[in-house]
Structure formats: C-alpha cells, structure tokens
Amino acid sequence: MKGHKSSAERSDKAQFLEFVTETADANQAGIDPHLISQVVDSIRIARGFSEQEKLNCVSGAITLLKDINPANKIEGMLATQMVATHGAAMECLRRAMLRSQSFEGRDQNLKPAEKLLAIFAGQMDALKKSRGKGQQKVNVEHVHVEAGGQAVVGNVQIRAASTPPIVKSTTALAHTPAQTIDLKVTRRARVGQAQHMIRHSRKFLETL
C-alpha cells in the first residue's frame, strides 16, 4: 500500500538515526534526535545507493547541521531548515542539468531552485540576526547649522554645569557661507569671449 514503508526501509532509517546520533556532538545544545530525524527525512537517498553511499549522504547532512553550530533549539530548527533547503535546491539544479533534460524540464527545475536559494539567503540573514550579527545602520537625515555655528557628531559627556563638555570622536561641521555668483557678469564675460573669437576669425579669413 502507498504511504507505508516496508520493514526494511524502517530498519534502514533506524540504523541511520543510530549512526547520526552517535556522530552528533552531545554538547551542541541546538541538536537533538528529533531534528536529526527531520534532517534524515529531508535528504535525497536513491534506491540504488549502497549502504556506504546512504551513510555518506546522512553523515554529510549531519555534518552541515553540526557546522552551523546552533546554540539553542530555535537555531537548531533554523539550521535543520537550512540543510533541507540547501538539499532541495541542489536536487533541482541536478535535475535541471541532466543531459537528457528538455528545455521545458530545465526551466521547470531552475525556477524552484531560484526560489529555494532565495529562501536560503533569508535563512542566513535570520541566523545572523539571531546571533546579533545583523547590520546596524544609523541615518542622519537633517543637520541644521546656523551662521557661525558648528554641528558636533559623536559622544558628548558633560562633567558639570560649570565645566565645558568633553567631546570624544567628534567631527566638527563648520558653517561655510554660500558663495553668490553674479550671473549677469558671467553672461557678459561669455558674450565678450564669443565676440572676440568672431572678430579673430574674420581677420583670419580676410588674409586668405
């Protein structure tokens, strides 16, 4: 019947779980047998694989899980999803690159692969954010500097009301008055230069 695994398949999975449980590091708080079982269920193991090939697939998946090194159960679940997403993406890419694959079949496999890789990138960002390694950015949108004033960027510490502030790692932005350009003078200068070039050209043409 469909949906039921044979006793041989259940025995194989039990051996796999025993193998990976022995190889898993007990000190890694984010890895437990339940997550290991989910990783084993998510990887591709072809029917024609030998016992050694099956063990290699399982050990490779669990090695990825261990290398992510989840610090807690939440990171463990995220790491399990990352291993499964990576395996699914690579399987789609493998099918797309088969020599006998048609153009339509290649396109049908590349599209989900692209989505899976985007999901994996999002999982990476989520893991970094969980570990406090997300990028932090501060935007300074408006700085108003009056004439003769200064803007101070940095940490300012004030000792007392009667003492001047201590400024650390500051950058002073001095106010520079804007320069006024007389457009009429500039326009007359350009017109004068053009007239001079025209007169010079006429004299040159008269000599020919």
N, C-alpha and C. Protein backbone atom coordinates (compact mmCIF):
# COMPACT_ATOMS: atom_id res chain seq x y z
N MET A 1 0.85 -1.20 0.00
CA MET A 1 0.00 0.00 0.00
C MET A 1 0.88 1.24 0.00
N LYS A 2 0.36 2.30 -0.67
CA LYS A 2 1.11 3.54 -0.74
C LYS A 2 1.07 4.24 0.61
N GLY A 3 2.16 4.93 0.91
CA GLY A 3 2.22 5.68 2.16
C GLY A 3 2.77 4.88 3.32
N HIS A 4 2.97 3.58 3.15
CA HIS A 4 3.51 2.72 4.20
C HIS A 4 4.90 2.26 3.81
N LYS A 5 5.82 2.39 4.74
CA LYS A 5 7.19 1.97 4.48
C LYS A 5 7.36 0.51 4.85
N SER A 6 8.20 -0.17 4.12
CA SER A 6 8.46 -1.57 4.41
C SER A 6 9.32 -1.69 5.66
N SER A 7 9.38 -2.90 6.20
CA SER A 7 10.18 -3.11 7.40
C SER A 7 11.65 -2.87 7.12
N ALA A 8 12.08 -3.17 5.87
CA ALA A 8 13.49 -2.94 5.52
C ALA A 8 13.80 -1.46 5.53
N GLU A 9 12.86 -0.64 4.99
CA GLU A 9 13.08 0.80 4.98
C GLU A 9 13.12 1.36 6.39
N ARG A 10 12.20 0.89 7.25
CA ARG A 10 12.20 1.36 8.64
C ARG A 10 13.48 0.95 9.35
N SER A 11 13.98 -0.24 9.02
CA SER A 11 15.23 -0.71 9.63
C SER A 11 16.40 0.15 9.19
N ASP A 12 16.42 0.49 7.89
CA ASP A 12 17.48 1.35 7.38
C ASP A 12 17.47 2.70 8.08
N LYS A 13 16.29 3.28 8.23
CA LYS A 13 16.20 4.58 8.88
C LYS A 13 16.65 4.48 10.34
N ALA A 14 16.30 3.40 11.02
CA ALA A 14 16.72 3.22 12.40
C ALA A 14 18.25 3.16 12.49
N GLN A 15 18.86 2.49 11.53
CA GLN A 15 20.32 2.42 11.51
C GLN A 15 20.92 3.80 11.25
N PHE A 16 20.31 4.54 10.34
CA PHE A 16 20.79 5.88 10.05
C PHE A 16 20.71 6.76 11.30
N LEU A 17 19.56 6.70 11.97
CA LEU A 17 19.38 7.53 13.17
C LEU A 17 20.39 7.14 14.25
N GLU A 18 20.63 5.86 14.38
CA GLU A 18 21.62 5.41 15.36
C GLU A 18 23.01 5.92 15.00
N PHE A 19 23.30 5.88 13.70
CA PHE A 19 24.61 6.34 13.23
C PHE A 19 24.80 7.83 13.50
N VAL A 20 23.81 8.64 13.08
CA VAL A 20 23.97 10.08 13.21
C VAL A 20 23.89 10.52 14.66
N THR A 21 23.13 9.81 15.48
CA THR A 21 23.06 10.16 16.90
C THR A 21 24.41 9.93 17.56
N GLU A 22 25.10 8.87 17.15
CA GLU A 22 26.42 8.61 17.70
C GLU A 22 27.44 9.65 17.24
N THR A 23 27.28 10.14 15.99
CA THR A 23 28.25 11.10 15.48
C THR A 23 27.94 12.53 15.94
N ALA A 24 26.70 12.80 16.34
CA ALA A 24 26.33 14.14 16.78
C ALA A 24 27.01 14.46 18.10
N ASP A 25 27.39 15.71 18.26
CA ASP A 25 28.05 16.17 19.47
C ASP A 25 27.00 16.46 20.53
N ALA A 26 27.08 15.75 21.65
CA ALA A 26 26.08 15.94 22.72
C ALA A 26 26.17 17.32 23.35
N ASN A 27 27.30 18.02 23.19
CA ASN A 27 27.48 19.34 23.79
C ASN A 27 26.80 20.44 22.98
N GLN A 28 26.33 20.14 21.78
CA GLN A 28 25.66 21.13 20.96
C GLN A 28 24.19 21.19 21.39
N ALA A 29 23.85 22.28 22.08
CA ALA A 29 22.53 22.40 22.69
C ALA A 29 21.42 22.44 21.65
N GLY A 30 21.72 22.91 20.45
CA GLY A 30 20.67 23.07 19.45
C GLY A 30 20.37 21.84 18.64
N ILE A 31 21.06 20.72 18.89
CA ILE A 31 20.86 19.50 18.10
C ILE A 31 20.28 18.41 19.01
N ASP A 32 19.17 17.82 18.58
CA ASP A 32 18.59 16.70 19.33
C ASP A 32 18.12 15.63 18.33
N PRO A 33 17.80 14.44 18.79
CA PRO A 33 17.42 13.35 17.88
C PRO A 33 16.23 13.70 16.99
N HIS A 34 15.30 14.50 17.47
CA HIS A 34 14.14 14.86 16.66
C HIS A 34 14.56 15.66 15.43
N LEU A 35 15.44 16.64 15.62
CA LEU A 35 15.93 17.43 14.50
C LEU A 35 16.77 16.58 13.56
N ILE A 36 17.55 15.67 14.13
CA ILE A 36 18.36 14.78 13.30
C ILE A 36 17.46 13.92 12.41
N SER A 37 16.35 13.44 12.99
CA SER A 37 15.40 12.63 12.21
C SER A 37 14.81 13.46 11.06
N GLN A 38 14.51 14.73 11.32
CA GLN A 38 13.97 15.59 10.27
C GLN A 38 14.99 15.82 9.15
N VAL A 39 16.24 15.96 9.52
CA VAL A 39 17.29 16.13 8.51
C VAL A 39 17.40 14.88 7.65
N VAL A 40 17.36 13.70 8.29
CA VAL A 40 17.46 12.45 7.54
C VAL A 40 16.29 12.31 6.56
N ASP A 41 15.09 12.71 7.01
CA ASP A 41 13.91 12.59 6.14
C ASP A 41 13.96 13.56 4.97
N SER A 42 14.71 14.65 5.10
CA SER A 42 14.71 15.69 4.06
C SER A 42 15.74 15.44 2.96
N ILE A 43 16.74 14.59 3.21
CA ILE A 43 17.79 14.42 2.22
C ILE A 43 17.39 13.37 1.19
N ARG A 44 18.03 13.46 0.02
CA ARG A 44 17.73 12.54 -1.07
C ARG A 44 18.62 11.29 -0.96
N ILE A 45 17.97 10.13 -0.85
CA ILE A 45 18.68 8.86 -0.83
C ILE A 45 18.05 7.97 -1.90
N ALA A 46 18.75 7.78 -2.99
CA ALA A 46 18.20 6.99 -4.11
C ALA A 46 18.13 5.52 -3.73
N ARG A 47 17.21 4.83 -4.38
CA ARG A 47 17.03 3.40 -4.08
C ARG A 47 18.26 2.58 -4.44
N GLY A 48 18.97 2.99 -5.47
CA GLY A 48 20.11 2.20 -5.90
C GLY A 48 21.38 2.44 -5.09
N PHE A 49 21.33 3.31 -4.10
CA PHE A 49 22.52 3.61 -3.31
C PHE A 49 22.91 2.40 -2.47
N SER A 50 24.22 2.21 -2.35
CA SER A 50 24.72 1.17 -1.45
C SER A 50 24.63 1.67 -0.01
N GLU A 51 24.87 0.77 0.92
CA GLU A 51 24.80 1.16 2.33
C GLU A 51 25.81 2.25 2.65
N GLN A 52 26.98 2.16 2.05
CA GLN A 52 28.00 3.17 2.30
C GLN A 52 27.59 4.52 1.73
N GLU A 53 26.99 4.50 0.53
CA GLU A 53 26.52 5.74 -0.08
C GLU A 53 25.41 6.38 0.75
N LYS A 54 24.53 5.56 1.30
CA LYS A 54 23.47 6.08 2.16
C LYS A 54 24.07 6.72 3.42
N LEU A 55 25.02 6.04 4.01
CA LEU A 55 25.67 6.59 5.21
C LEU A 55 26.40 7.89 4.88
N ASN A 56 27.00 7.96 3.69
CA ASN A 56 27.69 9.19 3.30
C ASN A 56 26.71 10.36 3.17
N CYS A 57 25.53 10.09 2.61
CA CYS A 57 24.51 11.13 2.49
C CYS A 57 24.07 11.62 3.86
N VAL A 58 23.83 10.68 4.75
CA VAL A 58 23.36 11.05 6.08
C VAL A 58 24.45 11.78 6.85
N SER A 59 25.67 11.26 6.80
CA SER A 59 26.76 11.91 7.54
C SER A 59 27.06 13.29 6.98
N GLY A 60 26.91 13.45 5.65
CA GLY A 60 27.12 14.77 5.07
C GLY A 60 26.10 15.77 5.55
N ALA A 61 24.83 15.34 5.65
CA ALA A 61 23.78 16.24 6.11
C ALA A 61 23.97 16.61 7.57
N ILE A 62 24.32 15.63 8.39
CA ILE A 62 24.51 15.91 9.82
C ILE A 62 25.75 16.76 10.05
N THR A 63 26.75 16.61 9.18
CA THR A 63 27.94 17.46 9.28
C THR A 63 27.59 18.91 9.01
N LEU A 64 26.73 19.15 8.03
CA LEU A 64 26.27 20.51 7.76
C LEU A 64 25.54 21.07 8.97
N LEU A 65 24.69 20.25 9.57
CA LEU A 65 23.95 20.69 10.76
C LEU A 65 24.89 21.04 11.90
N LYS A 66 25.91 20.22 12.09
CA LYS A 66 26.87 20.48 13.17
C LYS A 66 27.71 21.72 12.89
N ASP A 67 28.07 21.93 11.61
CA ASP A 67 28.91 23.09 11.27
C ASP A 67 28.17 24.41 11.48
N ILE A 68 26.85 24.39 11.30
CA ILE A 68 26.08 25.60 11.60
C ILE A 68 26.15 25.92 13.08
N ASN A 69 26.29 24.87 13.89
CA ASN A 69 26.51 25.01 15.34
C ASN A 69 25.40 25.80 16.02
N PRO A 70 24.16 25.30 15.97
CA PRO A 70 23.06 26.02 16.62
C PRO A 70 23.26 26.08 18.13
N ALA A 71 23.00 27.26 18.70
CA ALA A 71 23.24 27.47 20.13
C ALA A 71 22.03 27.08 20.98
N ASN A 72 20.85 26.99 20.37
CA ASN A 72 19.65 26.65 21.12
C ASN A 72 18.67 25.94 20.18
N LYS A 73 17.51 25.58 20.70
CA LYS A 73 16.54 24.82 19.91
C LYS A 73 15.99 25.64 18.75
N ILE A 74 15.82 26.95 18.93
CA ILE A 74 15.33 27.79 17.84
C ILE A 74 16.33 27.79 16.69
N GLU A 75 17.61 28.00 17.01
CA GLU A 75 18.64 27.95 15.98
C GLU A 75 18.75 26.55 15.40
N GLY A 76 18.47 25.53 16.22
CA GLY A 76 18.51 24.16 15.72
C GLY A 76 17.45 23.92 14.67
N MET A 77 16.23 24.43 14.90
CA MET A 77 15.18 24.30 13.90
C MET A 77 15.53 25.06 12.63
N LEU A 78 16.10 26.26 12.80
CA LEU A 78 16.50 27.04 11.62
C LEU A 78 17.62 26.34 10.85
N ALA A 79 18.57 25.76 11.58
CA ALA A 79 19.66 25.03 10.92
C ALA A 79 19.14 23.82 10.17
N THR A 80 18.15 23.12 10.75
CA THR A 80 17.55 21.98 10.07
C THR A 80 16.88 22.41 8.77
N GLN A 81 16.17 23.54 8.81
CA GLN A 81 15.54 24.06 7.60
C GLN A 81 16.58 24.46 6.56
N MET A 82 17.69 25.01 7.01
CA MET A 82 18.74 25.41 6.07
C MET A 82 19.33 24.20 5.36
N VAL A 83 19.57 23.12 6.10
CA VAL A 83 20.12 21.91 5.47
C VAL A 83 19.12 21.34 4.47
N ALA A 84 17.83 21.33 4.85
CA ALA A 84 16.80 20.80 3.95
C ALA A 84 16.64 21.68 2.71
N THR A 85 16.67 23.00 2.90
CA THR A 85 16.53 23.92 1.77
C THR A 85 17.70 23.79 0.81
N HIS A 86 18.89 23.68 1.37
CA HIS A 86 20.08 23.51 0.53
C HIS A 86 19.98 22.21 -0.29
N GLY A 87 19.58 21.12 0.37
CA GLY A 87 19.46 19.84 -0.34
C GLY A 87 18.43 19.89 -1.44
N ALA A 88 17.29 20.55 -1.17
CA ALA A 88 16.23 20.64 -2.18
C ALA A 88 16.68 21.49 -3.37
N ALA A 89 17.37 22.59 -3.08
CA ALA A 89 17.86 23.46 -4.16
C ALA A 89 18.86 22.72 -5.04
N MET A 90 19.78 22.00 -4.43
CA MET A 90 20.77 21.28 -5.20
C MET A 90 20.15 20.14 -6.01
N GLU A 91 19.08 19.53 -5.49
CA GLU A 91 18.40 18.48 -6.24
C GLU A 91 17.73 19.07 -7.47
N CYS A 92 17.12 20.25 -7.34
CA CYS A 92 16.50 20.91 -8.50
C CYS A 92 17.56 21.26 -9.54
N LEU A 93 18.70 21.76 -9.08
CA LEU A 93 19.78 22.09 -10.01
C LEU A 93 20.32 20.84 -10.68
N ARG A 94 20.41 19.74 -9.94
CA ARG A 94 20.91 18.48 -10.53
C ARG A 94 19.98 18.01 -11.64
N ARG A 95 18.68 18.08 -11.38
CA ARG A 95 17.72 17.64 -12.40
C ARG A 95 17.74 18.57 -13.61
N ALA A 96 17.93 19.85 -13.37
CA ALA A 96 17.94 20.80 -14.49
C ALA A 96 19.13 20.57 -15.40
N MET A 97 20.23 20.06 -14.87
CA MET A 97 21.45 19.91 -15.66
C MET A 97 21.64 18.51 -16.22
N LEU A 98 20.63 17.65 -16.15
CA LEU A 98 20.73 16.32 -16.76
C LEU A 98 20.89 16.45 -18.27
N ARG A 99 21.71 15.62 -18.86
CA ARG A 99 21.95 15.70 -20.30
C ARG A 99 20.69 15.45 -21.10
N SER A 100 19.84 14.57 -20.61
CA SER A 100 18.61 14.23 -21.34
C SER A 100 17.47 15.19 -21.03
N GLN A 101 17.73 16.20 -20.23
CA GLN A 101 16.68 17.12 -19.82
C GLN A 101 16.26 18.03 -20.98
N SER A 102 14.97 18.22 -21.13
CA SER A 102 14.46 19.12 -22.17
C SER A 102 14.55 20.57 -21.69
N PHE A 103 14.33 21.49 -22.61
CA PHE A 103 14.37 22.91 -22.25
C PHE A 103 13.27 23.23 -21.23
N GLU A 104 12.07 22.68 -21.47
CA GLU A 104 10.96 22.93 -20.55
C GLU A 104 11.24 22.32 -19.18
N GLY A 105 11.80 21.11 -19.18
CA GLY A 105 12.12 20.46 -17.91
C GLY A 105 13.20 21.21 -17.15
N ARG A 106 14.19 21.73 -17.90
CA ARG A 106 15.25 22.51 -17.24
C ARG A 106 14.68 23.77 -16.61
N ASP A 107 13.77 24.44 -17.34
CA ASP A 107 13.16 25.66 -16.82
C ASP A 107 12.30 25.36 -15.61
N GLN A 108 11.58 24.24 -15.62
CA GLN A 108 10.73 23.87 -14.50
C GLN A 108 11.53 23.57 -13.24
N ASN A 109 12.77 23.14 -13.39
CA ASN A 109 13.60 22.86 -12.23
C ASN A 109 14.41 24.08 -11.77
N LEU A 110 14.77 24.95 -12.71
CA LEU A 110 15.55 26.13 -12.33
C LEU A 110 14.72 27.14 -11.56
N LYS A 111 13.45 27.26 -11.88
CA LYS A 111 12.60 28.23 -11.18
C LYS A 111 12.46 27.91 -9.69
N PRO A 112 12.11 26.67 -9.31
CA PRO A 112 12.07 26.39 -7.87
C PRO A 112 13.44 26.46 -7.21
N ALA A 113 14.50 26.14 -7.97
CA ALA A 113 15.85 26.25 -7.41
C ALA A 113 16.16 27.69 -7.05
N GLU A 114 15.75 28.61 -7.93
CA GLU A 114 15.98 30.03 -7.67
C GLU A 114 15.23 30.47 -6.41
N LYS A 115 13.99 30.02 -6.23
CA LYS A 115 13.22 30.37 -5.04
C LYS A 115 13.84 29.78 -3.78
N LEU A 116 14.30 28.54 -3.88
CA LEU A 116 14.91 27.89 -2.72
C LEU A 116 16.20 28.59 -2.30
N LEU A 117 16.99 29.01 -3.28
CA LEU A 117 18.23 29.72 -2.95
C LEU A 117 17.94 31.06 -2.30
N ALA A 118 16.86 31.72 -2.73
CA ALA A 118 16.46 32.98 -2.09
C ALA A 118 16.00 32.73 -0.66
N ILE A 119 15.29 31.64 -0.45
CA ILE A 119 14.86 31.27 0.91
C ILE A 119 16.08 31.00 1.78
N PHE A 120 17.08 30.31 1.22
CA PHE A 120 18.29 30.00 1.98
C PHE A 120 19.01 31.28 2.40
N ALA A 121 19.07 32.26 1.49
CA ALA A 121 19.70 33.54 1.83
C ALA A 121 18.95 34.23 2.97
N GLY A 122 17.61 34.14 2.95
CA GLY A 122 16.83 34.71 4.05
C GLY A 122 17.06 33.98 5.36
N GLN A 123 17.25 32.66 5.28
CA GLN A 123 17.56 31.89 6.49
C GLN A 123 18.92 32.28 7.06
N MET A 124 19.87 32.56 6.19
CA MET A 124 21.18 33.02 6.64
C MET A 124 21.06 34.35 7.39
N ASP A 125 20.27 35.26 6.84
CA ASP A 125 20.07 36.55 7.50
C ASP A 125 19.39 36.37 8.85
N ALA A 126 18.41 35.47 8.91
CA ALA A 126 17.72 35.22 10.17
C ALA A 126 18.67 34.65 11.22
N LEU A 127 19.58 33.77 10.79
CA LEU A 127 20.55 33.20 11.73
C LEU A 127 21.51 34.27 12.24
N LYS A 128 21.97 35.15 11.34
CA LYS A 128 22.85 36.24 11.76
C LYS A 128 22.15 37.16 12.74
N LYS A 129 20.89 37.46 12.47
CA LYS A 129 20.13 38.34 13.37
C LYS A 129 19.94 37.68 14.73
N SER A 130 19.72 36.36 14.72
CA SER A 130 19.56 35.63 15.99
C SER A 130 20.83 35.67 16.82
N ARG A 131 21.96 35.70 16.14
CA ARG A 131 23.25 35.73 16.85
C ARG A 131 23.77 37.14 17.07
N GLY A 132 22.95 38.13 16.75
CA GLY A 132 23.34 39.51 16.99
C GLY A 132 24.37 40.05 16.05
N LYS A 133 24.44 39.47 14.84
CA LYS A 133 25.43 39.91 13.87
C LYS A 133 24.78 40.63 12.69
N GLY A 134 23.54 41.05 12.85
CA GLY A 134 22.88 41.77 11.78
C GLY A 134 23.47 43.16 11.61
N GLN A 135 23.37 43.69 10.44
CA GLN A 135 23.92 45.01 10.16
C GLN A 135 23.07 46.07 10.84
N GLN A 136 23.74 47.03 11.49
CA GLN A 136 23.08 48.15 12.13
C GLN A 136 23.47 49.42 11.39
N LYS A 137 22.47 50.22 11.07
CA LYS A 137 22.72 51.43 10.31
C LYS A 137 21.95 52.58 10.93
N VAL A 138 22.62 53.72 11.10
CA VAL A 138 22.01 54.92 11.65
C VAL A 138 22.03 55.99 10.58
N ASN A 139 20.86 56.51 10.25
CA ASN A 139 20.74 57.54 9.23
C ASN A 139 20.53 58.89 9.89
N VAL A 140 21.36 59.88 9.53
CA VAL A 140 21.19 61.25 9.98
C VAL A 140 20.58 62.01 8.81
N GLU A 141 19.30 62.34 8.92
CA GLU A 141 18.59 62.92 7.79
C GLU A 141 18.74 64.43 7.70
N HIS A 142 18.70 65.13 8.83
CA HIS A 142 18.72 66.58 8.81
C HIS A 142 19.73 67.12 9.83
N VAL A 143 20.58 68.01 9.40
CA VAL A 143 21.52 68.72 10.29
C VAL A 143 21.40 70.21 9.98
N HIS A 144 20.97 70.99 10.94
CA HIS A 144 20.80 72.43 10.76
C HIS A 144 21.97 73.14 11.44
N VAL A 145 22.71 73.93 10.69
CA VAL A 145 23.84 74.69 11.22
C VAL A 145 23.58 76.16 10.96
N GLU A 146 23.47 76.93 12.01
CA GLU A 146 23.28 78.38 11.85
C GLU A 146 24.60 79.03 11.50
N ALA A 147 24.51 80.29 11.04
CA ALA A 147 25.71 81.04 10.66
C ALA A 147 26.64 81.18 11.86
N GLY A 148 27.91 80.80 11.66
CA GLY A 148 28.90 80.89 12.72
C GLY A 148 28.85 79.75 13.71
N GLY A 149 27.94 78.79 13.52
CA GLY A 149 27.82 77.69 14.46
C GLY A 149 28.54 76.45 13.99
N GLN A 150 28.51 75.39 14.81
CA GLN A 150 29.14 74.11 14.49
C GLN A 150 28.20 72.97 14.88
N ALA A 151 28.23 71.90 14.10
CA ALA A 151 27.49 70.68 14.43
C ALA A 151 28.48 69.62 14.88
N VAL A 152 28.23 68.99 16.02
CA VAL A 152 29.13 68.00 16.59
C VAL A 152 28.50 66.63 16.45
N VAL A 153 29.26 65.70 15.84
CA VAL A 153 28.80 64.32 15.67
C VAL A 153 29.68 63.43 16.53
N GLY A 154 29.10 62.72 17.49
CA GLY A 154 29.89 61.87 18.37
C GLY A 154 29.27 61.79 19.75
N ASN A 155 29.98 61.18 20.70
CA ASN A 155 29.52 61.06 22.08
C ASN A 155 30.00 62.25 22.89
N VAL A 156 29.08 62.94 23.51
CA VAL A 156 29.41 64.13 24.30
C VAL A 156 29.11 63.84 25.75
N GLN A 157 30.11 64.03 26.61
CA GLN A 157 29.96 63.84 28.05
C GLN A 157 30.16 65.17 28.76
N ILE A 158 29.25 65.52 29.66
CA ILE A 158 29.33 66.79 30.40
C ILE A 158 29.64 66.46 31.85
N ARG A 159 30.76 66.98 32.35
CA ARG A 159 31.16 66.72 33.73
C ARG A 159 30.26 67.48 34.71
N ALA A 160 30.15 68.76 34.52
CA ALA A 160 29.35 69.57 35.42
C ALA A 160 28.86 70.78 34.65
N ALA A 161 27.96 71.55 35.31
CA ALA A 161 27.39 72.70 34.61
C ALA A 161 28.42 73.78 34.35
N SER A 162 29.45 73.86 35.20
CA SER A 162 30.44 74.94 35.07
C SER A 162 31.62 74.56 34.20
N THR A 163 31.72 73.30 33.79
CA THR A 163 32.87 72.85 33.01
C THR A 163 32.44 72.62 31.58
N PRO A 164 33.35 72.84 30.63
CA PRO A 164 33.00 72.62 29.22
C PRO A 164 32.81 71.14 28.94
N PRO A 165 32.03 70.78 27.94
CA PRO A 165 31.79 69.37 27.62
C PRO A 165 33.04 68.70 27.06
N ILE A 166 33.17 67.40 27.35
CA ILE A 166 34.26 66.58 26.81
C ILE A 166 33.72 65.86 25.59
N VAL A 167 34.34 66.08 24.47
CA VAL A 167 33.89 65.51 23.21
C VAL A 167 34.82 64.40 22.79
N LYS A 168 34.27 63.21 22.53
CA LYS A 168 35.05 62.05 22.08
C LYS A 168 34.66 61.68 20.66
N SER A 169 35.68 61.45 19.83
CA SER A 169 35.47 61.00 18.44
C SER A 169 34.45 61.89 17.75
N THR A 170 34.75 63.17 17.73
CA THR A 170 33.80 64.11 17.14
C THR A 170 34.30 64.59 15.80
N THR A 171 33.37 65.02 15.01
CA THR A 171 33.68 65.62 13.72
C THR A 171 32.93 66.94 13.64
N ALA A 172 33.65 68.04 13.58
CA ALA A 172 33.03 69.35 13.55
C ALA A 172 32.68 69.72 12.12
N LEU A 173 31.43 70.11 11.96
CA LEU A 173 30.96 70.54 10.65
C LEU A 173 30.80 72.04 10.69
N ALA A 174 31.79 72.78 10.21
CA ALA A 174 31.76 74.23 10.27
C ALA A 174 30.83 74.77 9.21
N HIS A 175 30.19 75.91 9.57
CA HIS A 175 29.27 76.54 8.63
C HIS A 175 30.07 77.38 7.64
N THR A 176 29.86 77.15 6.39
CA THR A 176 30.55 77.90 5.34
C THR A 176 29.52 78.72 4.59
N PRO A 177 29.63 80.06 4.62
CA PRO A 177 28.64 80.88 3.90
C PRO A 177 28.64 80.54 2.42
N ALA A 178 27.48 80.53 1.85
CA ALA A 178 27.35 80.21 0.43
C ALA A 178 27.91 81.34 -0.42
N GLN A 179 28.56 81.00 -1.52
CA GLN A 179 29.12 81.98 -2.43
C GLN A 179 28.05 82.40 -3.44
N THR A 180 27.92 83.73 -3.61
CA THR A 180 26.94 84.28 -4.55
C THR A 180 27.62 84.56 -5.87
N ILE A 181 27.06 84.06 -6.93
CA ILE A 181 27.63 84.23 -8.27
C ILE A 181 26.74 85.19 -9.05
N ASP A 182 27.35 86.25 -9.57
CA ASP A 182 26.61 87.22 -10.37
C ASP A 182 26.46 86.65 -11.78
N LEU A 183 25.25 86.21 -12.09
CA LEU A 183 25.01 85.58 -13.38
C LEU A 183 25.14 86.57 -14.53
N LYS A 184 24.81 87.85 -14.29
CA LYS A 184 24.91 88.84 -15.36
C LYS A 184 26.35 89.07 -15.77
N VAL A 185 27.26 89.14 -14.76
CA VAL A 185 28.68 89.32 -15.06
C VAL A 185 29.21 88.12 -15.83
N THR A 186 28.82 86.93 -15.40
CA THR A 186 29.28 85.71 -16.09
C THR A 186 28.78 85.67 -17.52
N ARG A 187 27.52 86.06 -17.75
CA ARG A 187 26.96 86.05 -19.09
C ARG A 187 27.68 87.04 -19.99
N ARG A 188 27.98 88.27 -19.47
CA ARG A 188 28.68 89.29 -20.27
C ARG A 188 30.08 88.82 -20.63
N ALA A 189 30.73 88.13 -19.70
CA ALA A 189 32.07 87.63 -19.98
C ALA A 189 32.05 86.62 -21.12
N ARG A 190 31.06 85.73 -21.10
CA ARG A 190 30.96 84.73 -22.17
C ARG A 190 30.65 85.38 -23.51
N VAL A 191 29.77 86.39 -23.50
CA VAL A 191 29.44 87.09 -24.74
C VAL A 191 30.67 87.80 -25.29
N GLY A 192 31.46 88.43 -24.41
CA GLY A 192 32.68 89.10 -24.85
C GLY A 192 33.67 88.15 -25.46
N GLN A 193 33.82 86.96 -24.86
CA GLN A 193 34.73 85.96 -25.42
C GLN A 193 34.27 85.51 -26.79
N ALA A 194 32.96 85.33 -26.97
CA ALA A 194 32.43 84.90 -28.26
C ALA A 194 32.66 85.97 -29.33
N GLN A 195 32.43 87.23 -28.98
CA GLN A 195 32.64 88.31 -29.95
C GLN A 195 34.11 88.42 -30.34
N HIS A 196 35.00 88.23 -29.38
CA HIS A 196 36.43 88.27 -29.66
C HIS A 196 36.82 87.16 -30.63
N MET A 197 36.27 85.96 -30.45
CA MET A 197 36.58 84.85 -31.33
C MET A 197 36.05 85.11 -32.74
N ILE A 198 34.87 85.75 -32.85
CA ILE A 198 34.29 86.05 -34.17
C ILE A 198 35.17 87.05 -34.92
N ARG A 199 35.61 88.13 -34.22
CA ARG A 199 36.47 89.13 -34.86
C ARG A 199 37.78 88.51 -35.31
N HIS A 200 38.35 87.66 -34.46
CA HIS A 200 39.61 87.00 -34.81
C HIS A 200 39.43 86.10 -36.04
N SER A 201 38.27 85.41 -36.12
CA SER A 201 38.01 84.52 -37.26
C SER A 201 37.87 85.33 -38.54
N ARG A 202 37.20 86.51 -38.47
CA ARG A 202 37.02 87.33 -39.66
C ARG A 202 38.37 87.83 -40.20
N LYS A 203 39.25 88.27 -39.27
CA LYS A 203 40.56 88.74 -39.69
C LYS A 203 41.35 87.63 -40.36
N PHE A 204 41.22 86.45 -39.84
CA PHE A 204 41.93 85.30 -40.40
C PHE A 204 41.42 84.97 -41.79
N LEU A 205 40.09 85.05 -41.98
CA LEU A 205 39.51 84.76 -43.28
C LEU A 205 39.89 85.83 -44.32
N GLU A 206 40.05 87.09 -43.88
CA GLU A 206 40.44 88.15 -44.82
C GLU A 206 41.86 87.95 -45.37
N THR A 207 42.69 87.28 -44.63
CA THR A 207 44.08 87.06 -45.07
C THR A 207 44.18 85.94 -46.09
N LEU A 208 43.14 85.15 -46.26
CA LEU A 208 43.20 84.03 -47.19
C LEU A 208 43.00 84.48 -48.63
